[in-house]
Protein backbone atom coordinates (compact mmCIF):
# COMPACT_ATOMS: atom_id res chain seq x y z
CA UNK A 1 104.47 28.47 160.73
CA UNK A 2 103.48 27.72 164.12
CA UNK A 3 106.62 29.00 165.34
CA UNK A 4 105.53 31.90 163.64
CA UNK A 5 108.75 32.92 161.79
CA UNK A 6 108.48 33.40 158.27
CA UNK A 7 110.39 30.88 155.18
CA UNK A 8 113.47 32.03 154.25
CA UNK A 9 112.81 34.00 150.79
CA UNK A 10 114.74 32.46 148.15
CA UNK A 11 115.02 31.39 144.69
CA UNK A 12 112.00 33.06 142.50
CA UNK A 13 110.95 35.07 145.77
CA UNK A 14 113.90 36.10 145.77
CA UNK A 15 114.37 37.82 142.20
CA UNK A 16 111.00 39.46 142.55
CA UNK A 17 112.45 41.31 145.82
CA UNK A 18 114.49 42.43 144.68
CA UNK A 19 113.73 43.49 141.36
CA UNK A 20 110.92 45.63 143.25
CA UNK A 21 113.41 47.53 144.90
CA UNK A 22 115.37 47.98 142.17
CA UNK A 23 112.43 49.26 140.47
CA UNK A 24 110.93 51.42 142.99
CA UNK A 25 114.50 53.36 143.52
CA UNK A 26 114.33 53.60 139.51
CA UNK A 27 111.38 54.98 139.13
CA UNK A 28 111.53 57.24 141.92
CA UNK A 29 108.73 55.04 144.27
CA UNK A 30 108.59 54.92 148.36
CA UNK A 31 107.18 52.37 149.93
CA UNK A 32 104.22 53.90 150.85
CA UNK A 33 103.47 54.45 147.50
CA UNK A 34 103.98 50.09 146.76
CA UNK A 35 101.65 49.79 149.82
CA UNK A 36 98.77 52.31 148.12
CA UNK A 37 99.26 50.48 145.01
CA UNK A 38 99.31 46.52 146.63
CA UNK A 39 96.08 47.64 149.05
CA UNK A 40 99.13 46.56 152.26
CA UNK A 41 100.31 47.93 154.84
CA UNK A 42 103.40 50.38 154.41
CA UNK A 43 105.50 47.71 156.94
CA UNK A 44 104.02 44.73 154.93
CA UNK A 45 105.79 45.90 151.92
CA UNK A 46 108.64 46.12 153.22
CA UNK A 47 109.01 42.97 154.93
CA UNK A 48 108.54 41.80 151.15
CA UNK A 49 110.38 44.13 149.19
CA UNK A 50 113.57 44.11 151.17
CA UNK A 51 112.63 40.32 150.89
CA UNK A 52 111.91 39.63 154.91
CA UNK A 53 109.02 38.02 153.77
CA UNK A 54 107.41 36.44 150.32
CA UNK A 55 105.54 38.33 148.10
CA UNK A 56 102.43 36.19 147.33
CA UNK A 57 100.76 35.48 144.20
CA UNK A 58 98.13 38.73 144.42
CA UNK A 59 100.95 40.86 145.56
CA UNK A 60 102.33 39.78 142.28
CA UNK A 61 99.12 40.64 140.70
CA UNK A 62 98.95 43.61 142.36
CA UNK A 63 103.29 44.68 141.20
CA UNK A 64 101.95 43.81 137.81
CA UNK A 65 99.22 46.59 137.68
CA UNK A 66 101.15 48.82 139.42
CA UNK A 67 103.65 48.68 136.57
CA UNK A 68 101.86 48.61 133.27
CA UNK A 69 102.68 45.42 132.74
CA UNK A 70 100.42 41.81 132.97
CA UNK A 71 101.86 39.43 134.97
CA UNK A 72 103.58 37.41 132.91
CA UNK A 73 106.16 40.05 131.45
CA UNK A 74 106.34 41.21 135.20
CA UNK A 75 107.65 37.54 135.05
CA UNK A 76 109.59 37.40 132.08
CA UNK A 77 111.33 41.67 133.56
CA UNK A 78 112.22 39.51 137.46
CA UNK A 79 113.82 36.33 135.08
CA UNK A 80 116.61 39.36 133.26
CA UNK A 81 116.68 41.64 135.21
CA UNK A 82 118.68 43.21 131.95
CA UNK A 83 115.46 43.44 130.30
CA UNK A 84 113.72 45.57 133.20
CA UNK A 85 112.74 48.44 132.17
CA UNK A 86 112.55 47.30 128.20
CA UNK A 87 109.98 49.06 126.53
CA UNK A 88 108.81 46.47 124.22
CA UNK A 89 106.81 43.47 125.58
CA UNK A 90 108.75 40.48 126.37
CA UNK A 91 105.81 37.64 126.41
CA UNK A 92 104.10 37.01 123.51
CA UNK A 93 100.07 36.99 124.19
CA UNK A 94 97.60 34.20 123.38
CA UNK A 95 94.13 33.13 123.77
CA UNK A 96 92.18 30.39 123.71
CA UNK A 97 88.80 29.76 121.60
CA UNK A 98 87.25 26.79 122.50
CA UNK A 99 84.92 26.05 119.83
CA UNK A 100 82.50 23.00 119.44
CA UNK A 101 84.80 21.24 122.14
CA UNK A 102 87.72 22.14 120.13
CA UNK A 103 90.53 24.04 122.45
CA UNK A 104 91.64 25.98 119.42
CA UNK A 105 95.11 28.47 120.69
CA UNK A 106 96.51 31.46 119.88
CA UNK A 107 98.66 34.00 119.40
CA UNK A 108 97.57 37.94 119.52
CA UNK A 109 100.28 39.22 120.19
CA UNK A 110 103.91 38.82 119.31
CA UNK A 111 106.71 39.72 121.57
CA UNK A 112 109.17 41.87 120.24
CA UNK A 113 111.36 41.89 118.77
CA UNK A 114 110.03 38.22 117.48
CA UNK A 115 112.73 36.49 118.05
CA UNK A 116 112.79 36.68 121.48
CA UNK A 117 114.75 33.14 122.09
CA UNK A 118 117.98 34.38 120.33
CA UNK A 119 117.69 37.73 122.69
CA UNK A 120 116.92 36.15 125.78
CA UNK A 121 120.38 34.51 125.09
CA UNK A 122 122.54 36.84 124.15
CA UNK A 123 121.38 38.65 126.40
CA UNK A 124 120.29 41.89 123.65
CA UNK A 125 117.16 43.18 123.16
CA UNK A 126 116.20 45.53 120.54
CA UNK A 127 118.08 43.53 117.70
CA UNK A 128 117.27 41.30 115.39
CA UNK A 129 119.86 38.68 116.82
CA UNK A 130 118.38 35.65 114.82
CA UNK A 131 118.30 32.16 116.05
CA UNK A 132 119.83 30.27 119.72
CA UNK A 133 123.00 28.47 117.39
CA UNK A 134 123.82 25.99 119.29
CA UNK A 135 126.93 27.32 120.85
CA UNK A 136 124.17 29.37 122.32
CA UNK A 137 122.00 26.58 123.49
CA UNK A 138 125.09 24.55 125.12
CA UNK A 139 126.08 27.36 126.84
CA UNK A 140 122.83 27.48 128.23
CA UNK A 141 122.96 23.67 129.49
CA UNK A 142 126.27 22.88 130.91
CA UNK A 143 127.72 19.48 131.55
CA UNK A 144 128.46 21.36 135.08
CA UNK A 145 124.97 21.48 136.22
CA UNK A 146 123.92 19.23 138.59
CA UNK A 147 120.73 16.66 137.80
CA UNK A 148 117.50 17.63 139.22
CA UNK A 149 116.90 15.51 142.55
CA UNK A 150 113.42 14.00 143.61
CA UNK A 151 114.22 16.69 146.58
CA UNK A 152 113.66 19.50 143.72
């Protein structure tokens, strides 16, 4: 921006900052520890952890490493704060093979538990709760949710 003012941190960027702040407190880590892990200064890191500025994608990848997660696992934990300290895998792992010009996607590792869809909707992790019911899906997509606009 020409004025030098950073844009407001909202949405997913704000969720990432909250998650990182909560986890470093839970783990007893300092801003210095986080700064070293992402390869940035303490001031840069503090602005992002407190939500005064947004983490970059590079920072996000480094944060995932710091938490010993893959980026997609970190994103799942950011979006599901109740699962932030869950020991298992929340996201299945996939690989893409290319054979004679044809791409094949296959699952190399399941999420743990494998009934993750039901667990996400019910907010429970580690128990076999089965597939979501119609009532669960209705609760997720409510009629009261606003319709998206072109600006979104």
